[in-house]
Amino acid sequence: IRDRVFIVTGTLKIHSHHDQLNGIFIATNVDLAYDVPSTTTPLKIVGNLISHNTINLMKRVRTDGTQPSLFVVQEYKHYLNTINMMGISKYTQTELRP
């Protein structure tokens, strides 16, 4: 499985049938179930989920209230494996003469 990074300037829309996503997801807004008003399907994110605005957790509500409806497992390996694609590399060279 390849590491994935999604940077969305608008709304990241997640289908209600998805129960696990792997990668780093960064967005202005996140809709946990864009196709329905709400769902009982739990969602597990392996990586990270970052939103500029508040995420409506009521889009995913479990029938068993003792279990989480959204569970994020922070996997820092996704950052390490994709760091060269998430920025601009700058190098400085200094020549030393004796």
N, C-alpha and C. Protein backbone atom coordinates (compact mmCIF):
# COMPACT_ATOMS: atom_id res chain seq x y z
N ILE A 1 0.85 -1.18 0.00
CA ILE A 1 0.00 0.00 0.00
C ILE A 1 0.89 1.23 0.00
N ARG A 2 0.62 2.14 -0.92
CA ARG A 2 1.39 3.38 -1.01
C ARG A 2 0.82 4.41 -0.04
N ASP A 3 1.69 5.27 0.44
CA ASP A 3 1.26 6.35 1.33
C ASP A 3 0.56 7.42 0.49
N ARG A 4 -0.51 7.98 1.06
CA ARG A 4 -1.29 8.98 0.35
C ARG A 4 -1.44 10.23 1.20
N VAL A 5 -1.38 11.38 0.53
CA VAL A 5 -1.64 12.66 1.18
C VAL A 5 -2.65 13.40 0.30
N PHE A 6 -3.76 13.79 0.90
CA PHE A 6 -4.78 14.57 0.19
C PHE A 6 -4.85 15.94 0.85
N ILE A 7 -4.60 16.98 0.06
CA ILE A 7 -4.74 18.35 0.53
C ILE A 7 -5.86 18.97 -0.30
N VAL A 8 -6.98 19.27 0.36
CA VAL A 8 -8.18 19.73 -0.33
C VAL A 8 -8.48 21.16 0.11
N THR A 9 -8.63 22.06 -0.87
CA THR A 9 -8.92 23.46 -0.55
C THR A 9 -10.40 23.69 -0.25
N GLY A 10 -11.24 22.74 -0.57
CA GLY A 10 -12.67 22.85 -0.31
C GLY A 10 -13.09 21.83 0.74
N THR A 11 -14.10 21.05 0.39
CA THR A 11 -14.63 20.03 1.31
C THR A 11 -14.16 18.65 0.90
N LEU A 12 -13.58 17.92 1.83
CA LEU A 12 -13.24 16.52 1.63
C LEU A 12 -14.50 15.72 1.91
N LYS A 13 -15.04 15.07 0.88
CA LYS A 13 -16.30 14.33 1.00
C LYS A 13 -16.00 12.84 1.07
N ILE A 14 -16.41 12.22 2.17
CA ILE A 14 -16.19 10.79 2.40
C ILE A 14 -17.52 10.08 2.28
N HIS A 15 -17.57 9.03 1.48
CA HIS A 15 -18.81 8.26 1.29
C HIS A 15 -19.14 7.50 2.57
N SER A 16 -20.42 7.34 2.83
CA SER A 16 -20.87 6.70 4.07
C SER A 16 -20.51 5.22 4.16
N HIS A 17 -20.21 4.57 3.03
CA HIS A 17 -19.85 3.15 3.07
C HIS A 17 -18.40 2.90 3.45
N HIS A 18 -17.56 3.92 3.38
CA HIS A 18 -16.15 3.74 3.75
C HIS A 18 -16.06 3.54 5.27
N ASP A 19 -15.33 2.49 5.65
CA ASP A 19 -15.13 2.25 7.08
C ASP A 19 -13.67 2.41 7.50
N GLN A 20 -12.75 2.52 6.52
CA GLN A 20 -11.35 2.77 6.85
C GLN A 20 -10.68 3.51 5.69
N LEU A 21 -9.88 4.53 6.04
CA LEU A 21 -9.08 5.26 5.08
C LEU A 21 -7.66 5.34 5.60
N ASN A 22 -6.70 5.15 4.70
CA ASN A 22 -5.29 5.19 5.07
C ASN A 22 -4.63 6.37 4.38
N GLY A 23 -3.97 7.23 5.15
CA GLY A 23 -3.26 8.37 4.58
C GLY A 23 -3.42 9.60 5.45
N ILE A 24 -2.93 10.70 4.93
CA ILE A 24 -3.05 12.00 5.60
C ILE A 24 -4.07 12.81 4.81
N PHE A 25 -5.06 13.32 5.49
CA PHE A 25 -6.14 14.05 4.85
C PHE A 25 -6.22 15.44 5.48
N ILE A 26 -5.98 16.46 4.67
CA ILE A 26 -5.99 17.85 5.13
C ILE A 26 -6.99 18.60 4.26
N ALA A 27 -7.96 19.26 4.91
CA ALA A 27 -8.98 19.96 4.14
C ALA A 27 -9.51 21.17 4.91
N THR A 28 -10.16 22.06 4.17
CA THR A 28 -10.83 23.19 4.79
C THR A 28 -12.04 22.70 5.58
N ASN A 29 -12.82 21.80 4.97
CA ASN A 29 -13.99 21.19 5.60
C ASN A 29 -13.95 19.69 5.35
N VAL A 30 -14.55 18.92 6.24
CA VAL A 30 -14.65 17.47 6.08
C VAL A 30 -16.10 17.06 6.29
N ASP A 31 -16.64 16.32 5.32
CA ASP A 31 -17.99 15.76 5.42
C ASP A 31 -17.82 14.25 5.54
N LEU A 32 -18.13 13.71 6.72
CA LEU A 32 -17.88 12.30 7.01
C LEU A 32 -18.83 11.35 6.30
N ALA A 33 -19.95 11.85 5.78
CA ALA A 33 -20.91 11.02 5.05
C ALA A 33 -21.71 11.95 4.14
N TYR A 34 -21.12 12.32 3.01
CA TYR A 34 -21.74 13.33 2.15
C TYR A 34 -23.01 12.86 1.46
N ASP A 35 -23.18 11.56 1.30
CA ASP A 35 -24.29 11.03 0.52
C ASP A 35 -25.56 10.77 1.32
N VAL A 36 -25.49 10.84 2.65
CA VAL A 36 -26.67 10.59 3.49
C VAL A 36 -26.66 11.59 4.65
N PRO A 37 -27.83 11.80 5.29
CA PRO A 37 -27.86 12.71 6.45
C PRO A 37 -27.00 12.20 7.60
N SER A 38 -27.00 10.88 7.84
CA SER A 38 -26.15 10.27 8.87
C SER A 38 -26.06 8.78 8.61
N THR A 39 -25.06 8.14 9.22
CA THR A 39 -24.86 6.70 9.04
C THR A 39 -24.37 6.09 10.35
N THR A 40 -24.59 4.79 10.49
CA THR A 40 -24.10 4.08 11.68
C THR A 40 -22.78 3.37 11.40
N THR A 41 -22.26 3.51 10.20
CA THR A 41 -20.98 2.88 9.84
C THR A 41 -19.84 3.66 10.48
N PRO A 42 -19.04 3.02 11.32
CA PRO A 42 -17.91 3.73 11.93
C PRO A 42 -16.82 3.98 10.90
N LEU A 43 -15.97 4.97 11.17
CA LEU A 43 -14.88 5.30 10.26
C LEU A 43 -13.57 5.32 11.03
N LYS A 44 -12.60 4.58 10.49
CA LYS A 44 -11.26 4.54 11.08
C LYS A 44 -10.30 5.19 10.09
N ILE A 45 -9.56 6.17 10.56
CA ILE A 45 -8.54 6.85 9.75
C ILE A 45 -7.18 6.39 10.27
N VAL A 46 -6.39 5.77 9.41
CA VAL A 46 -5.02 5.38 9.76
C VAL A 46 -4.10 6.36 9.08
N GLY A 47 -3.55 7.27 9.83
CA GLY A 47 -2.73 8.36 9.32
C GLY A 47 -3.05 9.60 10.11
N ASN A 48 -3.83 10.52 9.51
CA ASN A 48 -4.28 11.70 10.24
C ASN A 48 -5.37 12.39 9.44
N LEU A 49 -6.24 13.09 10.16
CA LEU A 49 -7.32 13.86 9.57
C LEU A 49 -7.26 15.26 10.16
N ILE A 50 -7.06 16.26 9.29
CA ILE A 50 -6.92 17.64 9.74
C ILE A 50 -7.93 18.48 8.99
N SER A 51 -8.73 19.25 9.73
CA SER A 51 -9.72 20.13 9.13
C SER A 51 -9.57 21.53 9.70
N HIS A 52 -9.68 22.52 8.83
CA HIS A 52 -9.61 23.91 9.28
C HIS A 52 -10.85 24.27 10.09
N ASN A 53 -11.98 23.70 9.73
CA ASN A 53 -13.25 23.97 10.42
C ASN A 53 -13.70 22.74 11.21
N THR A 54 -14.69 22.93 12.04
CA THR A 54 -15.22 21.86 12.88
C THR A 54 -15.82 20.75 12.03
N ILE A 55 -15.58 19.50 12.42
CA ILE A 55 -16.14 18.34 11.73
C ILE A 55 -17.43 17.94 12.45
N ASN A 56 -18.50 17.76 11.68
CA ASN A 56 -19.78 17.34 12.25
C ASN A 56 -19.74 15.83 12.52
N LEU A 57 -19.50 15.46 13.77
CA LEU A 57 -19.40 14.05 14.14
C LEU A 57 -20.76 13.35 14.16
N MET A 58 -21.83 14.12 14.11
CA MET A 58 -23.16 13.52 14.11
C MET A 58 -23.50 12.87 12.77
N LYS A 59 -22.63 13.01 11.77
CA LYS A 59 -22.83 12.34 10.49
C LYS A 59 -22.57 10.84 10.62
N ARG A 60 -21.80 10.45 11.63
CA ARG A 60 -21.53 9.03 11.89
C ARG A 60 -21.81 8.77 13.36
N VAL A 61 -22.92 8.11 13.62
CA VAL A 61 -23.35 7.83 14.99
C VAL A 61 -23.53 6.33 15.14
N ARG A 62 -22.80 5.74 16.07
CA ARG A 62 -22.91 4.30 16.30
C ARG A 62 -24.14 3.99 17.13
N THR A 63 -24.73 2.82 16.88
CA THR A 63 -25.85 2.38 17.70
C THR A 63 -25.36 1.99 19.09
N ASP A 64 -24.10 1.53 19.17
CA ASP A 64 -23.48 1.22 20.46
C ASP A 64 -22.69 2.44 20.90
N GLY A 65 -23.21 3.18 21.85
CA GLY A 65 -22.59 4.41 22.30
C GLY A 65 -21.26 4.24 23.01
N THR A 66 -20.89 3.00 23.33
CA THR A 66 -19.60 2.77 24.00
C THR A 66 -18.45 2.66 23.00
N GLN A 67 -18.76 2.62 21.71
CA GLN A 67 -17.75 2.50 20.67
C GLN A 67 -17.63 3.83 19.92
N PRO A 68 -16.43 4.19 19.49
CA PRO A 68 -16.28 5.46 18.77
C PRO A 68 -16.85 5.37 17.35
N SER A 69 -17.42 6.46 16.88
CA SER A 69 -17.91 6.50 15.50
C SER A 69 -16.82 6.98 14.55
N LEU A 70 -15.87 7.74 15.07
CA LEU A 70 -14.69 8.16 14.30
C LEU A 70 -13.47 7.88 15.16
N PHE A 71 -12.54 7.11 14.58
CA PHE A 71 -11.34 6.72 15.31
C PHE A 71 -10.13 7.03 14.43
N VAL A 72 -9.22 7.84 14.94
CA VAL A 72 -8.03 8.24 14.18
C VAL A 72 -6.80 7.64 14.84
N VAL A 73 -6.07 6.82 14.07
CA VAL A 73 -4.80 6.25 14.52
C VAL A 73 -3.71 7.05 13.83
N GLN A 74 -2.99 7.86 14.58
CA GLN A 74 -1.95 8.69 13.98
C GLN A 74 -0.75 7.82 13.61
N GLU A 75 -0.53 7.70 12.33
CA GLU A 75 0.60 6.94 11.80
C GLU A 75 1.60 7.94 11.21
N TYR A 76 2.66 8.18 11.93
CA TYR A 76 3.63 9.17 11.49
C TYR A 76 4.47 8.70 10.32
N LYS A 77 4.43 7.40 10.02
CA LYS A 77 5.18 6.89 8.86
C LYS A 77 4.67 7.51 7.57
N HIS A 78 3.37 7.87 7.52
CA HIS A 78 2.83 8.53 6.34
C HIS A 78 3.51 9.88 6.11
N TYR A 79 3.79 10.61 7.19
CA TYR A 79 4.51 11.88 7.07
C TYR A 79 5.94 11.65 6.60
N LEU A 80 6.61 10.69 7.22
CA LEU A 80 8.01 10.44 6.89
C LEU A 80 8.18 9.97 5.45
N ASN A 81 7.26 9.14 4.98
CA ASN A 81 7.37 8.59 3.63
C ASN A 81 6.99 9.59 2.54
N THR A 82 6.29 10.66 2.91
CA THR A 82 5.84 11.63 1.90
C THR A 82 6.38 13.04 2.13
N ILE A 83 7.31 13.20 3.04
CA ILE A 83 7.79 14.54 3.39
C ILE A 83 8.42 15.25 2.20
N ASN A 84 9.05 14.51 1.31
CA ASN A 84 9.67 15.14 0.14
C ASN A 84 8.64 15.68 -0.84
N MET A 85 7.39 15.25 -0.77
CA MET A 85 6.34 15.74 -1.66
C MET A 85 5.50 16.84 -1.03
N MET A 86 5.66 17.10 0.26
CA MET A 86 4.81 18.06 0.95
C MET A 86 5.49 19.41 1.19
N GLY A 87 6.50 19.70 0.44
CA GLY A 87 7.17 20.98 0.61
C GLY A 87 8.20 21.19 -0.48
N ILE A 88 8.92 22.26 -0.36
CA ILE A 88 9.96 22.60 -1.32
C ILE A 88 11.30 22.40 -0.63
N SER A 89 12.14 21.61 -1.26
CA SER A 89 13.46 21.37 -0.71
C SER A 89 14.39 22.49 -1.13
N LYS A 90 15.09 23.05 -0.17
CA LYS A 90 16.08 24.09 -0.45
C LYS A 90 17.42 23.62 0.07
N TYR A 91 18.41 23.78 -0.78
CA TYR A 91 19.75 23.38 -0.41
C TYR A 91 20.67 24.57 -0.52
N THR A 92 21.60 24.67 0.39
CA THR A 92 22.59 25.73 0.37
C THR A 92 23.97 25.08 0.31
N GLN A 93 24.79 25.61 -0.56
CA GLN A 93 26.12 25.07 -0.69
C GLN A 93 27.13 26.18 -0.39
N THR A 94 28.09 25.86 0.43
CA THR A 94 29.16 26.79 0.76
C THR A 94 30.48 26.13 0.41
N GLU A 95 31.27 26.84 -0.37
CA GLU A 95 32.56 26.30 -0.75
C GLU A 95 33.61 26.77 0.23
N LEU A 96 34.33 25.82 0.76
CA LEU A 96 35.39 26.13 1.72
C LEU A 96 36.75 25.98 1.02
N ARG A 97 37.55 27.00 1.12
CA ARG A 97 38.90 26.94 0.53
C ARG A 97 39.93 27.03 1.64
N PRO A 98 40.98 26.22 1.54
CA PRO A 98 42.01 26.27 2.60
C PRO A 98 42.85 27.52 2.55
